[in-house]
Protein backbone atom coordinates (compact mmCIF):
# COMPACT_ATOMS: atom_id res chain seq x y z
CA UNK A 1 8.67 -82.40 0.33
CA UNK A 2 10.52 -82.03 -3.39
CA UNK A 3 10.00 -79.35 -4.90
CA UNK A 4 9.14 -80.31 -8.97
CA UNK A 5 10.55 -78.11 -11.46
CA UNK A 6 7.91 -74.79 -12.19
CA UNK A 7 7.17 -75.78 -15.36
CA UNK A 8 7.89 -73.07 -18.29
CA UNK A 9 5.11 -70.86 -19.89
CA UNK A 10 5.60 -70.97 -23.86
CA UNK A 11 6.00 -67.77 -25.46
CA UNK A 12 4.24 -69.29 -28.99
CA UNK A 13 0.74 -69.44 -29.69
CA UNK A 14 -0.49 -72.91 -29.06
CA UNK A 15 -1.46 -75.22 -32.05
CA UNK A 16 -0.31 -72.28 -34.71
CA UNK A 17 1.92 -73.55 -37.37
CA UNK A 18 4.59 -70.86 -37.25
CA UNK A 19 5.75 -72.19 -40.98
CA UNK A 20 3.02 -70.19 -42.25
CA UNK A 21 3.41 -67.30 -44.68
CA UNK A 22 2.66 -64.04 -42.73
CA UNK A 23 3.86 -61.08 -40.69
CA UNK A 24 4.93 -61.52 -37.05
CA UNK A 25 6.43 -59.18 -34.28
CA UNK A 26 9.62 -60.59 -32.77
CA UNK A 27 11.02 -59.17 -29.38
CA UNK A 28 14.52 -60.96 -27.77
CA UNK A 29 15.87 -60.13 -24.45
CA UNK A 30 18.79 -60.08 -23.11
CA UNK A 31 19.10 -62.00 -20.59
CA UNK A 32 17.97 -60.51 -17.02
CA UNK A 33 17.34 -57.38 -19.05
CA UNK A 34 20.81 -56.03 -18.76
CA UNK A 35 21.13 -52.81 -20.33
CA UNK A 36 24.60 -54.63 -22.29
CA UNK A 37 23.79 -52.68 -25.93
CA UNK A 38 23.51 -49.19 -25.28
CA UNK A 39 21.07 -46.31 -23.23
CA UNK A 40 18.10 -43.70 -23.66
CA UNK A 41 18.45 -40.45 -22.50
CA UNK A 42 16.00 -38.27 -23.33
CA UNK A 43 14.53 -39.93 -25.31
CA UNK A 44 17.22 -40.57 -27.77
CA UNK A 45 19.04 -43.90 -28.30
CA UNK A 46 22.46 -44.43 -28.07
CA UNK A 47 24.25 -47.76 -29.06
CA UNK A 48 27.42 -48.86 -28.33
CA UNK A 49 29.39 -50.85 -30.35
CA UNK A 50 27.75 -54.00 -28.92
CA UNK A 51 24.31 -52.94 -29.87
CA UNK A 52 25.32 -52.04 -33.11
CA UNK A 53 27.00 -55.49 -33.89
CA UNK A 54 23.31 -56.85 -32.94
CA UNK A 55 21.99 -54.67 -35.51
CA UNK A 56 24.59 -55.93 -37.93
CA UNK A 57 23.28 -59.42 -37.35
CA UNK A 58 19.59 -59.04 -37.72
CA UNK A 59 20.60 -57.37 -41.11
CA UNK A 60 22.04 -60.47 -42.32
CA UNK A 61 19.11 -62.70 -41.75
CA UNK A 62 17.74 -61.91 -45.58
CA UNK A 63 20.87 -63.64 -46.85
CA UNK A 64 20.59 -66.46 -44.70
CA UNK A 65 17.17 -67.40 -45.00
CA UNK A 66 15.42 -66.89 -48.17
CA UNK A 67 11.94 -67.64 -47.19
CA UNK A 68 12.45 -64.31 -44.85
CA UNK A 69 12.27 -60.70 -45.48
CA UNK A 70 13.24 -58.06 -43.19
CA UNK A 71 11.16 -55.04 -42.66
CA UNK A 72 12.82 -51.95 -42.12
CA UNK A 73 11.47 -51.13 -39.08
CA UNK A 74 13.38 -52.98 -36.25
CA UNK A 75 15.06 -51.18 -33.15
CA UNK A 76 18.15 -52.14 -30.77
CA UNK A 77 16.88 -51.01 -27.62
CA UNK A 78 19.44 -51.07 -24.50
CA UNK A 79 18.45 -54.40 -23.21
CA UNK A 80 15.73 -56.12 -26.34
CA UNK A 81 15.45 -56.17 -29.87
CA UNK A 82 12.31 -55.55 -31.98
CA UNK A 83 11.36 -56.42 -35.58
CA UNK A 84 9.03 -57.81 -38.04
CA UNK A 85 9.69 -60.52 -40.28
CA UNK A 86 7.41 -61.85 -43.44
CA UNK A 87 7.58 -65.23 -43.87
CA UNK A 88 7.19 -66.37 -47.77
CA UNK A 89 5.84 -69.73 -48.88
CA UNK A 90 8.09 -72.22 -49.77
CA UNK A 91 7.31 -74.40 -52.94
CA UNK A 92 7.58 -78.30 -52.36
CA UNK A 93 8.87 -79.65 -49.34
CA UNK A 94 7.48 -78.49 -46.18
CA UNK A 95 10.19 -76.16 -44.95
CA UNK A 96 9.62 -76.71 -40.86
CA UNK A 97 9.81 -73.89 -38.47
CA UNK A 98 11.96 -71.10 -39.85
CA UNK A 99 10.90 -68.14 -37.57
CA UNK A 100 12.91 -70.27 -34.85
CA UNK A 101 15.28 -71.39 -36.84
CA UNK A 102 15.84 -67.67 -37.61
CA UNK A 103 15.70 -66.70 -34.28
CA UNK A 104 18.04 -69.15 -33.06
CA UNK A 105 20.64 -68.21 -35.86
CA UNK A 106 20.46 -64.58 -35.04
CA UNK A 107 21.51 -65.16 -31.05
CA UNK A 108 24.30 -67.39 -31.85
CA UNK A 109 26.17 -65.26 -34.12
CA UNK A 110 25.35 -61.90 -31.85
CA UNK A 111 26.45 -63.63 -29.15
CA UNK A 112 29.99 -65.40 -30.31
CA UNK A 113 30.92 -62.14 -31.45
CA UNK A 114 29.66 -60.34 -27.88
CA UNK A 115 31.77 -63.16 -26.85
CA UNK A 116 34.51 -62.04 -29.30
CA UNK A 117 33.87 -58.16 -27.70
CA UNK A 118 34.21 -59.31 -24.32
CA UNK A 119 37.55 -60.65 -24.76
CA UNK A 120 39.74 -58.11 -27.06
CA UNK A 121 37.51 -54.88 -26.71
CA UNK A 122 36.22 -55.29 -22.66
CA UNK A 123 32.90 -55.25 -23.63
CA UNK A 124 31.07 -55.97 -20.21
CA UNK A 125 30.36 -59.38 -19.40
CA UNK A 126 27.42 -61.67 -18.99
CA UNK A 127 26.89 -64.51 -16.85
CA UNK A 128 25.91 -68.00 -18.60
CA UNK A 129 24.08 -67.12 -21.78
CA UNK A 130 24.03 -63.27 -23.31
CA UNK A 131 20.12 -63.82 -24.34
CA UNK A 132 16.89 -65.17 -22.83
CA UNK A 133 15.96 -68.86 -23.33
CA UNK A 134 12.95 -67.88 -26.03
CA UNK A 135 11.44 -65.03 -27.55
CA UNK A 136 8.34 -63.66 -28.00
CA UNK A 137 6.43 -63.36 -31.14
CA UNK A 138 3.15 -62.28 -32.08
CA UNK A 139 1.55 -63.30 -35.57
CA UNK A 140 -0.10 -59.81 -36.76
CA UNK A 141 -3.17 -60.60 -38.15
CA UNK A 142 -4.10 -56.99 -40.77
CA UNK A 143 -2.17 -54.16 -41.99
CA UNK A 144 -4.22 -51.55 -39.04
CA UNK A 145 -1.78 -54.15 -36.57
CA UNK A 146 1.14 -54.00 -38.36
CA UNK A 147 1.48 -50.28 -38.99
CA UNK A 148 0.43 -49.92 -35.08
CA UNK A 149 3.07 -52.32 -34.22
CA UNK A 150 5.53 -50.39 -36.91
CA UNK A 151 4.90 -46.92 -35.02
CA UNK A 152 5.70 -49.02 -31.78
CA UNK A 153 9.08 -49.36 -32.88
CA UNK A 154 9.78 -46.42 -34.56
CA UNK A 155 9.12 -44.70 -31.25
CA UNK A 156 10.21 -47.24 -28.62
CA UNK A 157 13.55 -44.74 -27.49
CA UNK A 158 10.39 -42.12 -26.76
CA UNK A 159 8.64 -44.59 -24.54
CA UNK A 160 11.53 -46.24 -22.73
CA UNK A 161 9.98 -44.84 -19.50
CA UNK A 162 7.06 -47.02 -20.02
CA UNK A 163 8.65 -49.98 -21.23
CA UNK A 164 8.03 -53.21 -19.87
CA UNK A 165 11.24 -54.66 -20.43
CA UNK A 166 12.74 -51.30 -18.64
CA UNK A 167 13.74 -52.28 -14.81
CA UNK A 168 13.03 -48.48 -14.05
CA UNK A 169 9.75 -48.17 -16.02
CA UNK A 170 7.86 -45.63 -14.27
CA UNK A 171 4.18 -46.71 -15.90
CA UNK A 172 2.24 -48.76 -18.28
CA UNK A 173 2.69 -48.54 -22.34
CA UNK A 174 -0.70 -48.56 -23.63
CA UNK A 175 0.84 -50.38 -26.75
CA UNK A 176 1.52 -53.42 -24.22
CA UNK A 177 -2.02 -53.25 -23.14
CA UNK A 178 -3.32 -53.14 -26.63
CA UNK A 179 -0.78 -56.50 -27.73
CA UNK A 180 -2.37 -58.50 -24.67
CA UNK A 181 -5.77 -58.27 -25.75
CA UNK A 182 -5.26 -59.72 -29.16
CA UNK A 183 -5.78 -63.37 -28.25
CA UNK A 184 -8.15 -64.76 -31.23
CA UNK A 185 -6.06 -67.02 -33.69
CA UNK A 186 -5.43 -65.39 -37.04
CA UNK A 187 -8.10 -65.40 -39.43
CA UNK A 188 -7.03 -66.74 -43.19
CA UNK A 189 -5.92 -64.43 -46.01
CA UNK A 190 -5.08 -64.40 -49.29
CA UNK A 191 -1.33 -65.67 -48.35
CA UNK A 192 -2.18 -69.02 -48.57
CA UNK A 193 -3.69 -68.96 -45.55
CA UNK A 194 -1.18 -66.78 -43.86
CA UNK A 195 -2.28 -64.19 -41.62
CA UNK A 196 -0.50 -61.06 -43.10
CA UNK A 197 0.98 -60.38 -46.22
CA UNK A 198 3.32 -57.42 -46.72
CA UNK A 199 0.54 -54.59 -47.41
CA UNK A 200 0.57 -53.86 -51.49
CA UNK A 201 1.10 -50.29 -52.25
CA UNK A 202 -1.26 -48.15 -53.50
CA UNK A 203 0.61 -45.75 -56.18
CA UNK A 204 -1.53 -42.58 -57.35
CA UNK A 205 -2.62 -41.74 -60.56
CA UNK A 206 -0.52 -40.95 -62.73
CA UNK A 207 -1.99 -37.13 -63.25
CA UNK A 208 -1.98 -36.59 -59.54
CA UNK A 209 1.73 -37.94 -59.58
CA UNK A 210 2.64 -35.48 -62.06
CA UNK A 211 1.19 -33.07 -60.07
CA UNK A 212 2.63 -33.67 -56.96
CA UNK A 213 6.33 -34.10 -58.22
CA UNK A 214 5.75 -30.45 -60.02
CA UNK A 215 4.90 -29.48 -56.64
CA UNK A 216 8.14 -30.44 -54.66
CA UNK A 217 10.17 -29.23 -57.68
CA UNK A 218 9.11 -26.24 -57.43
CA UNK A 219 9.13 -26.42 -53.43
CA UNK A 220 12.69 -27.22 -53.28
CA UNK A 221 13.77 -24.36 -55.58
CA UNK A 222 11.86 -21.77 -53.49
CA UNK A 223 13.45 -23.36 -50.65
CA UNK A 224 17.24 -23.59 -51.96
CA UNK A 225 16.74 -19.42 -52.50
CA UNK A 226 15.71 -18.79 -49.11
CA UNK A 227 18.46 -20.56 -47.94
CA UNK A 228 17.45 -24.02 -47.32
CA UNK A 229 20.19 -26.67 -48.14
CA UNK A 230 17.86 -30.23 -49.40
CA UNK A 231 19.18 -33.34 -47.44
CA UNK A 232 16.26 -35.72 -48.32
CA UNK A 233 13.38 -36.14 -50.71
CA UNK A 234 10.99 -38.38 -50.66
CA UNK A 235 12.11 -39.85 -47.69
CA UNK A 236 10.41 -43.19 -47.71
CA UNK A 237 9.44 -45.10 -44.67
CA UNK A 238 6.56 -47.98 -43.92
CA UNK A 239 4.66 -45.87 -41.92
CA UNK A 240 4.54 -43.03 -44.53
CA UNK A 241 6.61 -40.23 -46.32
CA UNK A 242 8.42 -37.27 -45.72
CA UNK A 243 8.31 -34.27 -48.51
CA UNK A 244 11.25 -33.15 -47.66
CA UNK A 245 14.08 -32.66 -44.92
CA UNK A 246 16.30 -30.15 -44.85
CA UNK A 247 18.61 -27.52 -42.83
CA UNK A 248 18.10 -24.11 -42.58
CA UNK A 249 20.29 -22.27 -40.47
CA UNK A 250 21.15 -24.69 -37.37
CA UNK A 251 17.65 -25.89 -37.73
CA UNK A 252 16.85 -29.81 -39.27
CA UNK A 253 13.51 -28.39 -41.56
CA UNK A 254 10.82 -31.48 -42.28
CA UNK A 255 8.53 -29.90 -44.24
CA UNK A 256 5.07 -31.21 -46.07
CA UNK A 257 4.30 -29.47 -49.95
CA UNK A 258 0.37 -29.65 -51.05
CA UNK A 259 -0.38 -28.49 -54.46
CA UNK A 260 -4.16 -27.48 -55.95
CA UNK A 261 -4.93 -27.05 -59.19
CA UNK A 262 -7.30 -24.35 -57.98
CA UNK A 263 -8.41 -22.87 -54.82
CA UNK A 264 -11.65 -24.48 -54.84
CA UNK A 265 -11.15 -26.24 -51.88
CA UNK A 266 -9.02 -23.30 -50.30
CA UNK A 267 -5.44 -22.83 -49.57
CA UNK A 268 -3.15 -26.16 -50.07
CA UNK A 269 -1.46 -25.65 -46.80
CA UNK A 270 -5.29 -26.05 -45.36
CA UNK A 271 -4.80 -29.61 -46.57
CA UNK A 272 -2.43 -30.23 -43.37
CA UNK A 273 -4.99 -31.19 -40.49
CA UNK A 274 -4.06 -31.73 -37.28
CA UNK A 275 -4.05 -36.09 -38.25
CA UNK A 276 -1.50 -34.87 -41.13
CA UNK A 277 0.55 -32.63 -38.86
CA UNK A 278 0.67 -35.67 -36.00
CA UNK A 279 1.37 -38.18 -38.75
CA UNK A 280 4.39 -35.61 -39.84
CA UNK A 281 5.52 -35.69 -36.06
CA UNK A 282 5.65 -39.20 -35.41
CA UNK A 283 7.64 -39.44 -39.41
CA UNK A 284 10.19 -37.42 -38.41
CA UNK A 285 10.58 -39.06 -34.98
CA UNK A 286 11.59 -41.83 -36.98
CA UNK A 287 13.58 -39.92 -38.96
CA UNK A 288 15.94 -38.73 -35.92
CA UNK A 289 15.94 -41.87 -34.73
CA UNK A 290 16.99 -43.62 -37.71
CA UNK A 291 19.88 -41.02 -38.04
CA UNK A 292 21.28 -41.41 -34.83
CA UNK A 293 20.65 -37.76 -33.84
CA UNK A 294 21.43 -36.42 -29.98
CA UNK A 295 20.31 -33.05 -29.50
CA UNK A 296 19.20 -30.88 -32.66
CA UNK A 297 16.69 -28.37 -32.94
CA UNK A 298 13.29 -29.06 -34.98
CA UNK A 299 11.03 -27.30 -37.14
CA UNK A 300 8.02 -28.55 -39.63
CA UNK A 301 6.98 -25.92 -42.22
CA UNK A 302 5.02 -26.42 -45.13
CA UNK A 303 5.16 -25.25 -48.70
CA UNK A 304 1.39 -24.03 -50.06
CA UNK A 305 1.87 -24.29 -54.22
CA UNK A 306 -1.12 -23.06 -56.37
CA UNK A 307 -1.06 -23.99 -59.92
CA UNK A 308 -2.78 -21.20 -62.43
CA UNK A 309 -2.39 -20.06 -65.90
CA UNK A 310 -1.09 -17.03 -65.13
CA UNK A 311 1.81 -19.33 -63.56
CA UNK A 312 2.31 -21.05 -59.78
CA UNK A 313 2.38 -19.51 -56.61
CA UNK A 314 4.71 -21.09 -54.39
CA UNK A 315 3.69 -19.74 -50.45
CA UNK A 316 6.23 -21.40 -47.47
CA UNK A 317 5.02 -20.92 -43.95
CA UNK A 318 8.06 -22.01 -41.58
CA UNK A 319 7.10 -23.06 -37.99
CA UNK A 320 3.47 -24.11 -39.58
CA UNK A 321 2.58 -25.87 -36.47
């Protein structure tokens, strides 16, 4: 009895037009999930030269494909890659399927350079193909989903023991369960029928912004007097912003600055709720991964500032949470 070739299940959303303007979560895996691009130890991602090469080719996609905007959240893992792509609408003729073309170009260019690395630098070899034949995509429906996917990407190394692509995974990630439940077709949006536009940034009022800027200036000055070396101000990510990042002694310090005009609603530092603390910790994880820092002592400080007629009161709270 002949054995017919098994029909390959398509990872595409059936009937969906992939030329539609919107946001897409893309995952590309190394063939047989071999760990060719680096390793994760203790939640810290260490890319090798081939992993850094893959990252470079992803960053070049925007210049190659003018209708593609690459989100600032992406991650190269030991055996796969995650990224978010915003597809812009074209004017005039139908643009075909740019998402598939983009991924194919990314695979081709990174494969060619990997082969060069095998020949010239002794990178580990692979059989037949570097990447799996297809790729996984998820059509992002709304801003809430976008933010959850961004958070997953930022914390992927910390979740490596639960990663479905990890051959030695010890459990299941709740993110995968959440993603698998989204089976409804995308609804229309202002993006000419697309599922999701880049979320608009809602700037604070001018008065509020000036108050915050003044508070951060005062905080930075007070911290410098106490021996802090300011590394970053208003470090921005799609998940949010870290007011100040500094070093003091051998510790890396993430600092939340809260400024109020009065004590009518309590001390400024009271506004750093448990939810905001958890958010700052997630942002700190993102910063550590982006900077590829190894073992480093970390702490979280809060600077509370109260403006008054007699002058500002600045209070630095170390190890606030």
